[in-house]
């Protein structure tokens, strides 16, 4: 009489492997969907206990996010399929929505053109460039204060190992950047 024990062990190992593969696919799919969610900063929000705020949460698909205390705004992680609905609902309530793009963690941004500078600023730049000791100069612009607050404070309220420190990028010119990371 043959023992069924090797078959049982093989069946158990196969089911364990299948369980691991299915869970890995699920975890990967979930991580991918979270990575594709877009950040949006909302300002001029209604009170948290109001029907307006609850309708915004529903339109955004009940996102997670962070409070931005200095600018009295909130950053929400919104799935792409909910973003248009959130923007429409926010417009109806007078809420400002700022989408975060790939440059949200830049502390400064080079000015796009000299024409956008006031005359006094242009004079200062030309006077500086006339100095023999100056090799180059860039005029920088500050990002939106709400976006800068998020870049500087992202994850600060999370405790312990859950705290996320995102690098802050400071461009010196078109080719040189400094990357700073908050460690405490």
Protein backbone atom coordinates (compact mmCIF):
# COMPACT_ATOMS: atom_id res chain seq x y z
CA UNK A 1 0.00 0.00 0.00
CA UNK A 2 1.42 3.38 -1.08
CA UNK A 3 1.44 6.34 1.25
CA UNK A 4 -0.38 9.49 0.19
CA UNK A 5 1.89 11.61 2.34
CA UNK A 6 4.27 12.76 -0.48
CA UNK A 7 1.24 13.75 -2.59
CA UNK A 8 -0.23 15.73 0.34
CA UNK A 9 3.08 17.52 0.90
CA UNK A 10 3.35 18.32 -2.82
CA UNK A 11 -0.26 19.57 -2.93
CA UNK A 12 0.33 21.70 0.16
CA UNK A 13 3.52 23.18 -1.32
CA UNK A 14 1.75 23.91 -4.64
CA UNK A 15 -1.16 25.63 -2.90
CA UNK A 16 1.26 27.64 -0.75
CA UNK A 17 3.15 28.73 -3.89
CA UNK A 18 -0.12 29.64 -5.65
CA UNK A 19 -1.23 31.62 -2.58
CA UNK A 20 2.08 33.51 -2.58
CA UNK A 21 1.87 34.26 -6.33
CA UNK A 22 -1.74 35.48 -6.12
CA UNK A 23 -0.94 37.66 -3.09
CA UNK A 24 2.15 39.10 -4.81
CA UNK A 25 0.04 40.01 -7.84
CA UNK A 26 -2.57 41.60 -5.58
CA UNK A 27 0.05 43.55 -3.63
CA UNK A 28 1.75 44.68 -6.85
CA UNK A 29 -1.56 45.77 -8.38
CA UNK A 30 -2.51 47.65 -5.21
CA UNK A 31 0.90 49.34 -5.00
CA UNK A 32 0.64 50.30 -8.66
CA UNK A 33 -2.78 51.87 -8.19
CA UNK A 34 -1.53 53.86 -5.18
CA UNK A 35 1.51 55.02 -7.15
CA UNK A 36 -0.78 56.29 -9.91
CA UNK A 37 -2.90 58.34 -7.53
CA UNK A 38 -2.34 62.02 -7.99
CA UNK A 39 -1.73 64.55 -5.30
CA UNK A 40 -4.05 67.51 -5.07
CA UNK A 41 -3.88 70.38 -2.62
CA UNK A 42 -7.25 71.78 -1.62
CA UNK A 43 -7.64 75.27 -0.17
CA UNK A 44 -10.61 77.26 1.12
CA UNK A 45 -12.19 74.04 2.35
CA UNK A 46 -15.52 74.02 4.18
CA UNK A 47 -15.62 72.83 7.81
CA UNK A 48 -14.80 69.15 8.26
CA UNK A 49 -18.20 68.34 9.70
CA UNK A 50 -20.12 70.08 6.90
CA UNK A 51 -22.04 68.43 4.08
CA UNK A 52 -19.82 70.24 1.57
CA UNK A 53 -16.64 68.68 2.97
CA UNK A 54 -18.24 65.24 3.02
CA UNK A 55 -19.35 65.65 -0.62
CA UNK A 56 -15.76 66.51 -1.58
CA UNK A 57 -14.48 63.39 0.20
CA UNK A 58 -17.04 61.28 -1.64
CA UNK A 59 -16.19 62.86 -5.00
CA UNK A 60 -12.49 62.15 -4.36
CA UNK A 61 -13.14 58.51 -3.41
CA UNK A 62 -12.39 59.01 0.31
CA UNK A 63 -8.68 59.73 -0.18
CA UNK A 64 -5.94 59.79 2.39
CA UNK A 65 -3.85 62.88 2.83
CA UNK A 66 -2.24 65.41 5.11
CA UNK A 67 -3.29 68.66 6.72
CA UNK A 68 -1.18 71.70 5.82
CA UNK A 69 -1.58 73.89 8.90
CA UNK A 70 0.33 77.00 7.80
CA UNK A 71 -1.68 77.52 4.60
CA UNK A 72 -4.87 76.02 6.06
CA UNK A 73 -5.02 73.56 3.18
CA UNK A 74 -4.99 69.78 2.76
CA UNK A 75 -3.13 67.47 0.41
CA UNK A 76 -5.24 64.53 -0.79
CA UNK A 77 -4.05 61.43 -2.69
CA UNK A 78 -6.74 61.19 -5.34
CA UNK A 79 -7.06 58.32 -7.83
CA UNK A 80 -7.03 59.57 -11.44
CA UNK A 81 -10.60 58.37 -12.06
CA UNK A 82 -11.85 60.64 -9.24
CA UNK A 83 -9.84 63.77 -10.03
CA UNK A 84 -12.23 65.36 -12.55
CA UNK A 85 -15.21 64.76 -10.24
CA UNK A 86 -13.31 66.31 -7.33
CA UNK A 87 -12.41 69.39 -9.39
CA UNK A 88 -16.04 69.84 -10.46
CA UNK A 89 -17.35 69.42 -6.90
CA UNK A 90 -14.67 71.77 -5.55
CA UNK A 91 -15.49 74.48 -8.09
CA UNK A 92 -19.11 74.43 -6.96
CA UNK A 93 -18.03 75.04 -3.36
CA UNK A 94 -15.38 77.70 -4.09
CA UNK A 95 -12.55 75.33 -3.15
CA UNK A 96 -9.23 75.78 -4.94
CA UNK A 97 -7.61 72.58 -6.23
CA UNK A 98 -3.91 72.57 -7.13
CA UNK A 99 -2.67 69.43 -8.86
CA UNK A 100 0.81 68.28 -7.91
CA UNK A 101 3.03 67.62 -10.90
CA UNK A 102 6.49 66.05 -11.11
CA UNK A 103 8.18 69.22 -9.82
CA UNK A 104 6.22 69.60 -6.57
CA UNK A 105 9.29 68.96 -4.40
CA UNK A 106 11.41 71.75 -5.92
CA UNK A 107 12.02 74.59 -3.48
CA UNK A 108 12.86 77.05 -6.26
CA UNK A 109 12.27 77.10 -9.98
CA UNK A 110 14.22 79.00 -12.62
CA UNK A 111 12.20 81.89 -14.00
CA UNK A 112 10.91 81.04 -17.47
CA UNK A 113 11.79 84.34 -19.13
CA UNK A 114 13.38 87.66 -18.29
CA UNK A 115 10.30 89.47 -19.69
CA UNK A 116 8.29 88.37 -16.65
CA UNK A 117 10.67 90.23 -14.30
CA UNK A 118 9.96 93.79 -13.22
CA UNK A 119 12.32 96.45 -14.63
CA UNK A 120 14.06 96.94 -11.26
CA UNK A 121 14.81 93.22 -11.03
CA UNK A 122 16.17 93.22 -14.60
CA UNK A 123 18.47 96.14 -13.73
CA UNK A 124 19.75 94.29 -10.66
CA UNK A 125 20.47 91.20 -12.72
CA UNK A 126 22.34 93.15 -15.42
CA UNK A 127 24.37 95.06 -12.81
CA UNK A 128 25.35 91.79 -11.13
CA UNK A 129 26.37 90.19 -14.42
CA UNK A 130 28.62 93.16 -15.26
CA UNK A 131 30.85 92.34 -12.28
CA UNK A 132 34.07 90.58 -13.29
CA UNK A 133 33.75 88.23 -10.31
CA UNK A 134 30.40 86.81 -11.44
CA UNK A 135 30.49 83.74 -13.67
CA UNK A 136 26.76 83.21 -13.93
CA UNK A 137 23.44 84.11 -12.41
CA UNK A 138 19.96 82.66 -12.34
CA UNK A 139 16.74 84.26 -11.22
CA UNK A 140 14.56 81.88 -9.27
CA UNK A 141 10.85 81.90 -8.55
CA UNK A 142 9.14 80.47 -5.49
CA UNK A 143 6.48 77.79 -5.99
CA UNK A 144 2.93 78.12 -4.73
CA UNK A 145 3.10 78.46 -0.90
CA UNK A 146 0.75 75.48 -0.40
CA UNK A 147 2.93 73.26 -2.59
CA UNK A 148 6.09 74.44 -0.82
CA UNK A 149 4.55 73.75 2.60
CA UNK A 150 3.73 70.21 1.49
CA UNK A 151 7.24 69.70 0.10
CA UNK A 152 8.79 70.88 3.38
CA UNK A 153 6.46 69.07 5.77
CA UNK A 154 5.41 65.88 3.97
CA UNK A 155 5.14 63.03 6.46
CA UNK A 156 6.12 65.08 9.53
CA UNK A 157 2.95 64.16 11.39
CA UNK A 158 3.47 60.41 10.79
CA UNK A 159 5.07 58.64 13.73
CA UNK A 160 8.13 56.41 13.77
CA UNK A 161 8.76 54.13 10.82
CA UNK A 162 5.73 55.45 8.93
CA UNK A 163 7.31 58.89 8.56
CA UNK A 164 8.16 59.67 4.96
CA UNK A 165 10.96 62.06 4.15
CA UNK A 166 10.86 63.22 0.57
CA UNK A 167 13.92 64.87 -0.89
CA UNK A 168 13.66 68.60 -1.47
CA UNK A 169 15.33 69.64 -4.72
CA UNK A 170 17.02 73.03 -4.94
CA UNK A 171 18.21 73.87 -8.47
CA UNK A 172 21.31 76.07 -8.68
CA UNK A 173 21.18 76.31 -12.46
CA UNK A 174 20.00 74.23 -15.42
CA UNK A 175 22.44 71.39 -14.72
CA UNK A 176 23.29 71.51 -11.00
CA UNK A 177 20.84 70.74 -8.19
CA UNK A 178 21.15 70.19 -4.46
CA UNK A 179 19.00 67.51 -2.89
CA UNK A 180 18.19 67.87 0.81
CA UNK A 181 16.39 65.30 2.97
CA UNK A 182 14.83 65.96 6.37
CA UNK A 183 16.16 63.46 8.92
CA UNK A 184 14.26 64.53 12.03
